[in-house]
Amino acid sequence: MRFGDDFDFSVRIPGGGQQPRGKALMQLSAGARDQLHLAVRLAIGEFLSRGREPVPLLVDDCFATSDDERARAGMKLLIEQFAPRHQVILATCHRARHEAFAALDRGLYADKVCRLEVKAPSWVG
């Protein structure tokens, strides 16, 4: 992955050379695209935090289109690698899925993940 001065990026795809973002994204599954976008956000967060206060990361269902194995691995990456230096806020409507991950990785989630359930106001359908 390469970033330009404007934070646009290109991706090296095996056997295909360096591809601009738009062309690269068309060759990936929805789950792989979401994972790539998360990787881009993490890289930008690290870049913006160099020598400064770490920036927070707010993501909305970044694993919604990933299979369980990749979503679980992605959560482990966020918790183990990114969260020690950055505040990570993950919004999701897949509560049961994340509860299952927490049950599988109790030690990882125990002291590092705080869940907050936000209920919609009564006037919302």
C-alpha atoms as a PDB file:
ATOM      1  CA  MET A   1       0.000   0.000   0.000  1.00  0.00           C
ATOM      2  CA  ARG A   2       1.263   3.457  -0.882  1.00  0.00           C
ATOM      3  CA  PHE A   3      -0.100   6.802   0.222  1.00  0.00           C
ATOM      4  CA  GLY A   4       0.038  10.024  -1.748  1.00  0.00           C
ATOM      5  CA  ASP A   5       0.387  13.490  -0.257  1.00  0.00           C
ATOM      6  CA  ASP A   6      -3.418  13.763  -0.213  1.00  0.00           C
ATOM      7  CA  PHE A   7      -3.794  10.443   1.706  1.00  0.00           C
ATOM      8  CA  ASP A   8      -5.184   8.718  -1.373  1.00  0.00           C
ATOM      9  CA  PHE A   9      -3.665   5.279  -1.730  1.00  0.00           C
ATOM     10  CA  SER A  10      -2.755   2.560  -4.165  1.00  0.00           C
ATOM     11  CA  VAL A  11      -2.484  -1.152  -3.485  1.00  0.00           C
ATOM     12  CA  ARG A  12      -0.078  -3.792  -4.755  1.00  0.00           C
ATOM     13  CA  ILE A  13      -2.144  -6.813  -5.765  1.00  0.00           C
ATOM     14  CA  PRO A  14      -0.265 -10.110  -6.232  1.00  0.00           C
ATOM     15  CA  GLY A  15       0.410 -10.623  -9.911  1.00  0.00           C
ATOM     16  CA  GLY A  16      -1.128  -7.278 -10.820  1.00  0.00           C
ATOM     17  CA  GLY A  17       1.385  -4.630  -9.833  1.00  0.00           C
ATOM     18  CA  GLN A  18       0.478  -1.357  -8.140  1.00  0.00           C
ATOM     19  CA  GLN A  19      -3.218  -0.539  -8.644  1.00  0.00           C
ATOM     20  CA  PRO A  20      -4.916   2.798  -7.944  1.00  0.00           C
ATOM     21  CA  ARG A  21      -7.472   2.686  -5.129  1.00  0.00           C
ATOM     22  CA  GLY A  22     -10.582   2.502  -7.338  1.00  0.00           C
ATOM     23  CA  LYS A  23      -9.288  -0.291  -9.534  1.00  0.00           C
ATOM     24  CA  ALA A  24      -7.902  -2.233  -6.569  1.00  0.00           C
ATOM     25  CA  LEU A  25     -11.198  -2.049  -4.693  1.00  0.00           C
ATOM     26  CA  MET A  26     -13.130  -3.530  -7.631  1.00  0.00           C
ATOM     27  CA  GLN A  27     -10.965  -6.657  -7.408  1.00  0.00           C
ATOM     28  CA  LEU A  28     -11.673  -7.298  -3.720  1.00  0.00           C
ATOM     29  CA  SER A  29     -14.618  -8.851  -1.913  1.00  0.00           C
ATOM     30  CA  ALA A  30     -16.761  -6.617   0.302  1.00  0.00           C
ATOM     31  CA  GLY A  31     -15.064  -8.008   3.412  1.00  0.00           C
ATOM     32  CA  ALA A  32     -11.593  -7.446   1.982  1.00  0.00           C
ATOM     33  CA  ARG A  33     -12.546  -3.874   1.005  1.00  0.00           C
ATOM     34  CA  ASP A  34     -13.732  -3.170   4.547  1.00  0.00           C
ATOM     35  CA  GLN A  35     -10.509  -4.612   5.966  1.00  0.00           C
ATOM     36  CA  LEU A  36      -8.447  -2.524   3.558  1.00  0.00           C
ATOM     37  CA  HIS A  37     -10.320   0.629   4.559  1.00  0.00           C
ATOM     38  CA  LEU A  38      -9.745  -0.190   8.231  1.00  0.00           C
ATOM     39  CA  ALA A  39      -6.029  -0.687   7.542  1.00  0.00           C
ATOM     40  CA  VAL A  40      -5.961   2.705   5.826  1.00  0.00           C
ATOM     41  CA  ARG A  41      -7.667   4.347   8.831  1.00  0.00           C
ATOM     42  CA  LEU A  42      -5.217   2.706  11.223  1.00  0.00           C
ATOM     43  CA  ALA A  43      -2.242   3.823   9.133  1.00  0.00           C
ATOM     44  CA  ILE A  44      -3.539   7.389   8.946  1.00  0.00           C
ATOM     45  CA  GLY A  45      -4.210   7.362  12.702  1.00  0.00           C
ATOM     46  CA  GLU A  46      -0.641   6.271  13.360  1.00  0.00           C
ATOM     47  CA  PHE A  47       0.706   8.878  10.946  1.00  0.00           C
ATOM     48  CA  LEU A  48      -1.303  11.714  12.507  1.00  0.00           C
ATOM     49  CA  SER A  49      -0.235  10.642  16.006  1.00  0.00           C
ATOM     50  CA  ARG A  50       3.518  10.619  15.388  1.00  0.00           C
ATOM     51  CA  GLY A  51       5.115  12.831  18.015  1.00  0.00           C
ATOM     52  CA  ARG A  52       1.705  14.049  19.190  1.00  0.00           C
ATOM     53  CA  GLU A  53      -1.229  13.037  21.324  1.00  0.00           C
ATOM     54  CA  PRO A  54      -2.687   9.830  19.818  1.00  0.00           C
ATOM     55  CA  VAL A  55      -5.828  10.417  17.786  1.00  0.00           C
ATOM     56  CA  PRO A  56      -8.952   8.386  18.599  1.00  0.00           C
ATOM     57  CA  LEU A  57     -10.441   5.944  16.113  1.00  0.00           C
ATOM     58  CA  LEU A  58     -14.193   5.842  15.527  1.00  0.00           C
ATOM     59  CA  VAL A  59     -15.387   3.028  13.275  1.00  0.00           C
ATOM     60  CA  ASP A  60     -18.869   1.896  12.350  1.00  0.00           C
ATOM     61  CA  ASP A  61     -19.302  -1.848  11.784  1.00  0.00           C
ATOM     62  CA  CYS A  62     -15.895  -2.240  10.187  1.00  0.00           C
ATOM     63  CA  PHE A  63     -16.290  -6.049  10.245  1.00  0.00           C
ATOM     64  CA  ALA A  64     -19.922  -6.263   9.090  1.00  0.00           C
ATOM     65  CA  THR A  65     -19.018  -7.938   5.785  1.00  0.00           C
ATOM     66  CA  SER A  66     -16.121 -10.033   7.132  1.00  0.00           C
ATOM     67  CA  ASP A  67     -16.463 -13.692   8.013  1.00  0.00           C
ATOM     68  CA  ASP A  68     -16.229 -14.552  11.719  1.00  0.00           C
ATOM     69  CA  GLU A  69     -12.606 -15.687  11.569  1.00  0.00           C
ATOM     70  CA  ARG A  70     -11.399 -12.457   9.974  1.00  0.00           C
ATOM     71  CA  ALA A  71     -13.640 -10.299  12.154  1.00  0.00           C
ATOM     72  CA  ARG A  72     -12.306 -11.976  15.292  1.00  0.00           C
ATOM     73  CA  ALA A  73      -8.715 -11.513  14.093  1.00  0.00           C
ATOM     74  CA  GLY A  74      -9.476  -7.874  13.295  1.00  0.00           C
ATOM     75  CA  MET A  75     -10.877  -7.269  16.768  1.00  0.00           C
ATOM     76  CA  LYS A  76      -7.785  -8.869  18.301  1.00  0.00           C
ATOM     77  CA  LEU A  77      -5.617  -6.557  16.214  1.00  0.00           C
ATOM     78  CA  LEU A  78      -7.575  -3.484  17.319  1.00  0.00           C
ATOM     79  CA  ILE A  79      -7.446  -4.494  20.990  1.00  0.00           C
ATOM     80  CA  GLU A  80      -3.837  -5.690  21.150  1.00  0.00           C
ATOM     81  CA  GLN A  81      -2.067  -3.397  18.701  1.00  0.00           C
ATOM     82  CA  PHE A  82      -4.036  -0.185  18.317  1.00  0.00           C
ATOM     83  CA  ALA A  83      -6.022   0.307  21.539  1.00  0.00           C
ATOM     84  CA  PRO A  84      -3.001   0.507  23.885  1.00  0.00           C
ATOM     85  CA  ARG A  85      -2.138   3.897  22.343  1.00  0.00           C
ATOM     86  CA  HIS A  86      -5.457   5.090  20.916  1.00  0.00           C
ATOM     87  CA  GLN A  87      -9.023   5.297  22.114  1.00  0.00           C
ATOM     88  CA  VAL A  88     -11.059   2.997  19.862  1.00  0.00           C
ATOM     89  CA  ILE A  89     -14.818   3.391  19.590  1.00  0.00           C
ATOM     90  CA  LEU A  90     -16.559   0.704  17.566  1.00  0.00           C
ATOM     91  CA  ALA A  91     -20.239   1.104  16.762  1.00  0.00           C
ATOM     92  CA  THR A  92     -22.049  -2.054  15.717  1.00  0.00           C
ATOM     93  CA  CYS A  93     -25.493  -3.558  15.431  1.00  0.00           C
ATOM     94  CA  HIS A  94     -23.972  -7.067  15.640  1.00  0.00           C
ATOM     95  CA  ARG A  95     -24.007  -7.357  19.413  1.00  0.00           C
ATOM     96  CA  ALA A  96     -24.303 -11.155  19.559  1.00  0.00           C
ATOM     97  CA  ARG A  97     -21.318 -11.601  17.264  1.00  0.00           C
ATOM     98  CA  HIS A  98     -19.077  -9.426  19.429  1.00  0.00           C
ATOM     99  CA  GLU A  99     -20.339 -11.108  22.603  1.00  0.00           C
ATOM    100  CA  ALA A 100     -19.345 -14.454  21.069  1.00  0.00           C
ATOM    101  CA  PHE A 101     -15.851 -13.106  20.328  1.00  0.00           C
ATOM    102  CA  ALA A 102     -15.584 -11.867  23.915  1.00  0.00           C
ATOM    103  CA  ALA A 103     -16.607 -15.301  25.206  1.00  0.00           C
ATOM    104  CA  LEU A 104     -13.929 -16.970  23.070  1.00  0.00           C
ATOM    105  CA  ASP A 105     -11.212 -14.503  24.091  1.00  0.00           C
ATOM    106  CA  ARG A 106     -12.171 -13.667  27.685  1.00  0.00           C
ATOM    107  CA  GLY A 107      -8.675 -12.649  28.759  1.00  0.00           C
ATOM    108  CA  LEU A 108      -8.310 -10.302  25.822  1.00  0.00           C
ATOM    109  CA  TYR A 109     -11.642  -8.561  26.350  1.00  0.00           C
ATOM    110  CA  ALA A 110     -11.833  -8.644  30.172  1.00  0.00           C
ATOM    111  CA  ASP A 111     -10.068  -5.414  31.098  1.00  0.00           C
ATOM    112  CA  LYS A 112      -9.712  -3.814  27.698  1.00  0.00           C
ATOM    113  CA  VAL A 113     -13.214  -3.608  26.247  1.00  0.00           C
ATOM    114  CA  CYS A 114     -16.077  -1.599  27.666  1.00  0.00           C
ATOM    115  CA  ARG A 115     -19.494  -2.111  26.112  1.00  0.00           C
ATOM    116  CA  LEU A 116     -22.121   0.566  26.071  1.00  0.00           C
ATOM    117  CA  GLU A 117     -25.590  -0.118  24.776  1.00  0.00           C
ATOM    118  CA  VAL A 118     -27.409   2.857  23.370  1.00  0.00           C
ATOM    119  CA  LYS A 119     -31.134   2.454  22.943  1.00  0.00           C
ATOM    120  CA  ALA A 120     -33.025   4.355  20.313  1.00  0.00           C
ATOM    121  CA  PRO A 121     -35.563   6.894  21.520  1.00  0.00           C
ATOM    122  CA  SER A 122     -39.149   5.636  21.631  1.00  0.00           C
ATOM    123  CA  TRP A 123     -40.116   7.779  18.636  1.00  0.00           C
ATOM    124  CA  VAL A 124     -37.637   5.924  16.389  1.00  0.00           C
ATOM    125  CA  GLY A 125     -39.325   3.047  14.527  1.00  0.00           C
END
